[in-house]
């Protein structure tokens, strides 16, 4: 986690509050070391920018890590539907593979 980068990203968010990438970048800075902080930014994206497709893969993975399996499953479903709607085949395939791995984990329990 790079504190200078985080500070810069926070400034970008203030300067461009309508740009979802800056919030996404903040979430990604926090995802490994402060997952609750990352969750806050992912939730901000999901609520404020529900059409921002990159959010779904990482948010679903984070919720799975936090053992919030129902939320993770719903995010995979929403992300897949959005990728289809946006005709984004690469992201669609990534989300489908991640969802399959997630569901296989469930089957092992």
N, C-alpha and C. Protein backbone atom coordinates (compact mmCIF):
# COMPACT_ATOMS: atom_id res chain seq x y z
N UNK A 1 0.86 -1.17 0.00
CA UNK A 1 0.00 0.00 0.00
C UNK A 1 0.90 1.23 0.00
N UNK A 2 0.65 2.11 -0.92
CA UNK A 2 1.48 3.30 -1.09
C UNK A 2 0.70 4.52 -0.61
N UNK A 3 1.11 5.10 0.52
CA UNK A 3 0.37 6.23 1.09
C UNK A 3 0.38 7.45 0.20
N UNK A 4 1.48 7.69 -0.51
CA UNK A 4 1.52 8.84 -1.42
C UNK A 4 0.51 8.66 -2.56
N UNK A 5 0.44 7.44 -3.07
CA UNK A 5 -0.50 7.16 -4.16
C UNK A 5 -1.93 7.29 -3.65
N UNK A 6 -2.19 6.82 -2.44
CA UNK A 6 -3.53 6.93 -1.86
C UNK A 6 -3.92 8.39 -1.71
N UNK A 7 -3.00 9.20 -1.21
CA UNK A 7 -3.28 10.62 -1.05
C UNK A 7 -3.59 11.27 -2.41
N UNK A 8 -2.81 10.92 -3.40
CA UNK A 8 -3.02 11.47 -4.73
C UNK A 8 -4.38 11.03 -5.29
N UNK A 9 -4.73 9.78 -5.09
CA UNK A 9 -6.02 9.29 -5.57
C UNK A 9 -7.18 9.98 -4.87
N UNK A 10 -7.03 10.24 -3.58
CA UNK A 10 -8.07 10.96 -2.85
C UNK A 10 -8.25 12.37 -3.40
N UNK A 11 -7.15 12.99 -3.78
CA UNK A 11 -7.24 14.31 -4.41
C UNK A 11 -7.96 14.20 -5.76
N UNK A 12 -7.66 13.17 -6.51
CA UNK A 12 -8.33 12.97 -7.80
C UNK A 12 -9.84 12.79 -7.61
N UNK A 13 -10.22 12.04 -6.57
CA UNK A 13 -11.63 11.82 -6.29
C UNK A 13 -12.32 13.15 -5.98
N UNK A 14 -11.64 14.00 -5.22
CA UNK A 14 -12.21 15.32 -4.90
C UNK A 14 -12.33 16.18 -6.16
N UNK A 15 -11.32 16.11 -7.02
CA UNK A 15 -11.32 16.92 -8.24
C UNK A 15 -12.33 16.41 -9.27
N UNK A 16 -12.48 15.10 -9.35
CA UNK A 16 -13.38 14.48 -10.34
C UNK A 16 -14.30 13.47 -9.65
N UNK A 17 -15.25 13.93 -8.88
CA UNK A 17 -16.10 12.99 -8.13
C UNK A 17 -16.94 12.07 -9.02
N UNK A 18 -17.14 12.44 -10.26
CA UNK A 18 -17.93 11.60 -11.17
C UNK A 18 -17.13 10.56 -11.91
N UNK A 19 -15.82 10.51 -11.68
CA UNK A 19 -14.96 9.55 -12.38
C UNK A 19 -14.80 8.29 -11.54
N UNK A 20 -15.43 7.19 -11.91
CA UNK A 20 -15.36 5.98 -11.08
C UNK A 20 -13.98 5.35 -11.01
N UNK A 21 -13.12 5.62 -12.00
CA UNK A 21 -11.81 4.97 -11.98
C UNK A 21 -11.02 5.35 -10.73
N UNK A 22 -11.11 6.59 -10.29
CA UNK A 22 -10.33 7.01 -9.12
C UNK A 22 -10.77 6.28 -7.86
N UNK A 23 -12.06 6.07 -7.70
CA UNK A 23 -12.57 5.32 -6.55
C UNK A 23 -12.15 3.85 -6.67
N UNK A 24 -12.22 3.32 -7.88
CA UNK A 24 -11.79 1.95 -8.13
C UNK A 24 -10.31 1.77 -7.77
N UNK A 25 -9.49 2.73 -8.19
CA UNK A 25 -8.06 2.66 -7.88
C UNK A 25 -7.82 2.69 -6.38
N UNK A 26 -8.60 3.49 -5.65
CA UNK A 26 -8.48 3.52 -4.19
C UNK A 26 -8.84 2.16 -3.60
N UNK A 27 -9.92 1.58 -4.06
CA UNK A 27 -10.33 0.27 -3.57
C UNK A 27 -9.22 -0.76 -3.79
N UNK A 28 -8.61 -0.71 -4.96
CA UNK A 28 -7.55 -1.66 -5.27
C UNK A 28 -6.30 -1.45 -4.41
N UNK A 29 -6.04 -0.21 -4.01
CA UNK A 29 -4.92 0.06 -3.11
C UNK A 29 -5.13 -0.60 -1.75
N UNK A 30 -6.37 -0.64 -1.30
CA UNK A 30 -6.69 -1.16 0.03
C UNK A 30 -7.02 -2.64 0.07
N UNK A 31 -7.30 -3.26 -1.06
CA UNK A 31 -7.91 -4.58 -1.06
C UNK A 31 -7.10 -5.65 -0.32
N UNK A 32 -5.80 -5.62 -0.38
CA UNK A 32 -5.00 -6.67 0.25
C UNK A 32 -4.69 -6.41 1.72
N UNK A 33 -4.53 -5.17 2.10
CA UNK A 33 -4.11 -4.88 3.48
C UNK A 33 -5.22 -4.36 4.38
N UNK A 34 -6.19 -3.69 3.80
CA UNK A 34 -7.31 -3.16 4.58
C UNK A 34 -8.62 -3.45 3.85
N UNK A 35 -9.04 -4.71 3.86
CA UNK A 35 -10.20 -5.11 3.07
C UNK A 35 -11.49 -4.37 3.43
N UNK A 36 -11.66 -3.98 4.69
CA UNK A 36 -12.87 -3.25 5.06
C UNK A 36 -12.90 -1.87 4.39
N UNK A 37 -11.74 -1.25 4.26
CA UNK A 37 -11.65 0.04 3.57
C UNK A 37 -11.94 -0.17 2.08
N UNK A 38 -11.40 -1.22 1.52
CA UNK A 38 -11.66 -1.54 0.11
C UNK A 38 -13.15 -1.78 -0.10
N UNK A 39 -13.78 -2.50 0.82
CA UNK A 39 -15.21 -2.77 0.72
C UNK A 39 -16.00 -1.46 0.66
N UNK A 40 -15.61 -0.48 1.46
CA UNK A 40 -16.31 0.80 1.46
C UNK A 40 -16.25 1.45 0.07
N UNK A 41 -15.08 1.41 -0.56
CA UNK A 41 -14.95 2.01 -1.88
C UNK A 41 -15.68 1.19 -2.95
N UNK A 42 -15.61 -0.13 -2.85
CA UNK A 42 -16.37 -0.95 -3.81
C UNK A 42 -17.87 -0.69 -3.67
N UNK A 43 -18.35 -0.60 -2.44
CA UNK A 43 -19.77 -0.32 -2.24
C UNK A 43 -20.15 1.05 -2.80
N UNK A 44 -19.26 2.01 -2.63
CA UNK A 44 -19.49 3.34 -3.20
C UNK A 44 -19.63 3.25 -4.72
N UNK A 45 -18.78 2.45 -5.34
CA UNK A 45 -18.86 2.25 -6.80
C UNK A 45 -20.14 1.54 -7.20
N UNK A 46 -20.46 0.48 -6.49
CA UNK A 46 -21.65 -0.31 -6.84
C UNK A 46 -22.92 0.51 -6.71
N UNK A 47 -22.96 1.40 -5.75
CA UNK A 47 -24.13 2.25 -5.55
C UNK A 47 -24.14 3.46 -6.48
N UNK A 48 -22.99 4.09 -6.64
CA UNK A 48 -22.93 5.32 -7.42
C UNK A 48 -22.64 5.15 -8.90
N UNK A 49 -22.00 4.04 -9.24
CA UNK A 49 -21.61 3.78 -10.64
C UNK A 49 -21.86 2.30 -10.97
N UNK A 50 -23.12 1.87 -10.93
CA UNK A 50 -23.41 0.45 -11.13
C UNK A 50 -23.05 -0.07 -12.52
N UNK A 51 -22.79 0.81 -13.48
CA UNK A 51 -22.40 0.38 -14.82
C UNK A 51 -20.88 0.30 -14.99
N UNK A 52 -20.12 0.54 -13.92
CA UNK A 52 -18.66 0.49 -14.03
C UNK A 52 -18.22 -0.98 -13.85
N UNK A 53 -18.07 -1.64 -14.95
CA UNK A 53 -17.85 -3.09 -15.00
C UNK A 53 -16.63 -3.60 -14.22
N UNK A 54 -15.49 -2.91 -14.23
CA UNK A 54 -14.34 -3.48 -13.51
C UNK A 54 -14.58 -3.75 -12.02
N UNK A 55 -15.54 -3.08 -11.44
CA UNK A 55 -15.81 -3.24 -10.02
C UNK A 55 -16.22 -4.67 -9.66
N UNK A 56 -16.99 -5.30 -10.52
CA UNK A 56 -17.66 -6.54 -10.14
C UNK A 56 -16.71 -7.69 -9.86
N UNK A 57 -15.71 -7.86 -10.67
CA UNK A 57 -14.77 -8.97 -10.48
C UNK A 57 -14.10 -8.88 -9.11
N UNK A 58 -13.53 -7.72 -8.82
CA UNK A 58 -12.76 -7.56 -7.58
C UNK A 58 -13.66 -7.45 -6.35
N UNK A 59 -14.81 -6.81 -6.49
CA UNK A 59 -15.74 -6.72 -5.35
C UNK A 59 -16.27 -8.10 -4.99
N UNK A 60 -16.63 -8.89 -5.99
CA UNK A 60 -17.12 -10.24 -5.72
C UNK A 60 -16.04 -11.08 -5.04
N UNK A 61 -14.82 -10.98 -5.51
CA UNK A 61 -13.72 -11.73 -4.91
C UNK A 61 -13.49 -11.30 -3.45
N UNK A 62 -13.59 -9.99 -3.20
CA UNK A 62 -13.41 -9.49 -1.83
C UNK A 62 -14.52 -10.02 -0.93
N UNK A 63 -15.76 -9.96 -1.38
CA UNK A 63 -16.86 -10.47 -0.56
C UNK A 63 -16.71 -11.97 -0.31
N UNK A 64 -16.21 -12.71 -1.29
CA UNK A 64 -15.96 -14.14 -1.08
C UNK A 64 -14.89 -14.33 0.00
N UNK A 65 -13.83 -13.53 -0.07
CA UNK A 65 -12.76 -13.59 0.94
C UNK A 65 -13.30 -13.28 2.34
N UNK A 66 -14.23 -12.34 2.40
CA UNK A 66 -14.81 -11.93 3.69
C UNK A 66 -15.91 -12.89 4.13
N UNK A 67 -16.09 -13.98 3.40
CA UNK A 67 -17.08 -15.02 3.68
C UNK A 67 -18.51 -14.50 3.62
N UNK A 68 -18.73 -13.53 2.74
CA UNK A 68 -20.08 -13.04 2.46
C UNK A 68 -20.47 -13.62 1.09
N UNK A 69 -20.73 -14.92 1.11
CA UNK A 69 -20.89 -15.69 -0.11
C UNK A 69 -22.11 -15.27 -0.92
N UNK A 70 -23.20 -14.95 -0.26
CA UNK A 70 -24.41 -14.54 -0.99
C UNK A 70 -24.16 -13.24 -1.74
N UNK A 71 -23.50 -12.30 -1.09
CA UNK A 71 -23.19 -11.02 -1.74
C UNK A 71 -22.23 -11.26 -2.91
N UNK A 72 -21.24 -12.09 -2.72
CA UNK A 72 -20.29 -12.40 -3.79
C UNK A 72 -21.01 -13.03 -4.98
N UNK A 73 -21.89 -13.99 -4.72
CA UNK A 73 -22.63 -14.65 -5.80
C UNK A 73 -23.48 -13.65 -6.57
N UNK A 74 -24.13 -12.75 -5.85
CA UNK A 74 -24.98 -11.75 -6.50
C UNK A 74 -24.13 -10.81 -7.36
N UNK A 75 -22.94 -10.46 -6.90
CA UNK A 75 -22.08 -9.57 -7.67
C UNK A 75 -21.55 -10.25 -8.93
N UNK A 76 -21.22 -11.53 -8.83
CA UNK A 76 -20.82 -12.25 -10.05
C UNK A 76 -21.97 -12.24 -11.06
N UNK A 77 -23.18 -12.53 -10.58
CA UNK A 77 -24.34 -12.55 -11.49
C UNK A 77 -24.56 -11.18 -12.14
N UNK A 78 -24.51 -10.12 -11.34
CA UNK A 78 -24.72 -8.77 -11.87
C UNK A 78 -23.62 -8.39 -12.85
N UNK A 79 -22.38 -8.73 -12.51
CA UNK A 79 -21.25 -8.41 -13.38
C UNK A 79 -21.35 -9.13 -14.72
N UNK A 80 -21.76 -10.39 -14.68
CA UNK A 80 -21.92 -11.17 -15.92
C UNK A 80 -23.03 -10.57 -16.78
N UNK A 81 -24.13 -10.22 -16.15
CA UNK A 81 -25.24 -9.60 -16.91
C UNK A 81 -24.80 -8.27 -17.52
N UNK A 82 -24.05 -7.47 -16.76
CA UNK A 82 -23.58 -6.18 -17.26
C UNK A 82 -22.58 -6.36 -18.40
N UNK A 83 -21.67 -7.33 -18.26
CA UNK A 83 -20.70 -7.59 -19.32
C UNK A 83 -21.40 -8.01 -20.62
N UNK A 84 -22.45 -8.81 -20.49
CA UNK A 84 -23.23 -9.19 -21.67
C UNK A 84 -23.89 -7.97 -22.29
N UNK A 85 -24.49 -7.13 -21.44
CA UNK A 85 -25.17 -5.94 -21.92
C UNK A 85 -24.20 -4.99 -22.62
N UNK A 86 -22.97 -4.88 -22.07
CA UNK A 86 -21.96 -3.99 -22.65
C UNK A 86 -21.19 -4.67 -23.79
N UNK A 87 -21.51 -5.93 -24.04
CA UNK A 87 -20.83 -6.71 -25.07
C UNK A 87 -19.31 -6.74 -24.86
N UNK A 88 -18.92 -6.91 -23.61
CA UNK A 88 -17.51 -6.96 -23.24
C UNK A 88 -17.15 -8.44 -23.02
N UNK A 89 -16.72 -9.10 -24.08
CA UNK A 89 -16.50 -10.55 -24.03
C UNK A 89 -15.34 -10.94 -23.14
N UNK A 90 -14.28 -10.15 -23.13
CA UNK A 90 -13.11 -10.49 -22.29
C UNK A 90 -13.50 -10.48 -20.81
N UNK A 91 -14.16 -9.43 -20.37
CA UNK A 91 -14.56 -9.35 -18.97
C UNK A 91 -15.63 -10.39 -18.66
N UNK A 92 -16.51 -10.65 -19.60
CA UNK A 92 -17.52 -11.70 -19.41
C UNK A 92 -16.84 -13.03 -19.12
N UNK A 93 -15.85 -13.39 -19.92
CA UNK A 93 -15.15 -14.66 -19.71
C UNK A 93 -14.43 -14.68 -18.36
N UNK A 94 -13.80 -13.56 -17.99
CA UNK A 94 -13.11 -13.50 -16.70
C UNK A 94 -14.08 -13.69 -15.54
N UNK A 95 -15.22 -13.02 -15.63
CA UNK A 95 -16.23 -13.15 -14.57
C UNK A 95 -16.81 -14.56 -14.52
N UNK A 96 -17.05 -15.16 -15.68
CA UNK A 96 -17.59 -16.52 -15.71
C UNK A 96 -16.61 -17.52 -15.10
N UNK A 97 -15.32 -17.37 -15.44
CA UNK A 97 -14.31 -18.26 -14.85
C UNK A 97 -14.22 -18.08 -13.33
N UNK A 98 -14.24 -16.83 -12.89
CA UNK A 98 -14.17 -16.55 -11.46
C UNK A 98 -15.40 -17.10 -10.74
N UNK A 99 -16.56 -16.93 -11.36
CA UNK A 99 -17.79 -17.45 -10.76
C UNK A 99 -17.75 -18.98 -10.68
N UNK A 100 -17.24 -19.62 -11.72
CA UNK A 100 -17.15 -21.08 -11.71
C UNK A 100 -16.22 -21.55 -10.58
N UNK A 101 -15.08 -20.91 -10.42
CA UNK A 101 -14.16 -21.27 -9.34
C UNK A 101 -14.82 -21.04 -7.97
N UNK A 102 -15.53 -19.95 -7.84
CA UNK A 102 -16.25 -19.62 -6.61
C UNK A 102 -17.29 -20.71 -6.30
N UNK A 103 -18.04 -21.11 -7.30
CA UNK A 103 -19.07 -22.13 -7.10
C UNK A 103 -18.45 -23.50 -6.80
N UNK A 104 -17.31 -23.79 -7.39
CA UNK A 104 -16.62 -25.05 -7.09
C UNK A 104 -16.13 -25.07 -5.65
N UNK A 105 -15.72 -23.91 -5.15
CA UNK A 105 -15.34 -23.80 -3.74
C UNK A 105 -16.52 -24.15 -2.86
N UNK A 106 -17.71 -23.65 -3.21
CA UNK A 106 -18.92 -23.94 -2.45
C UNK A 106 -19.22 -25.43 -2.44
N UNK A 107 -18.99 -26.09 -3.58
CA UNK A 107 -19.26 -27.52 -3.69
C UNK A 107 -18.33 -28.34 -2.79
N UNK A 108 -17.15 -27.81 -2.50
CA UNK A 108 -16.18 -28.53 -1.67
C UNK A 108 -16.58 -28.51 -0.20
N UNK A 109 -17.43 -27.57 0.19
CA UNK A 109 -17.83 -27.45 1.59
C UNK A 109 -18.80 -28.49 1.88
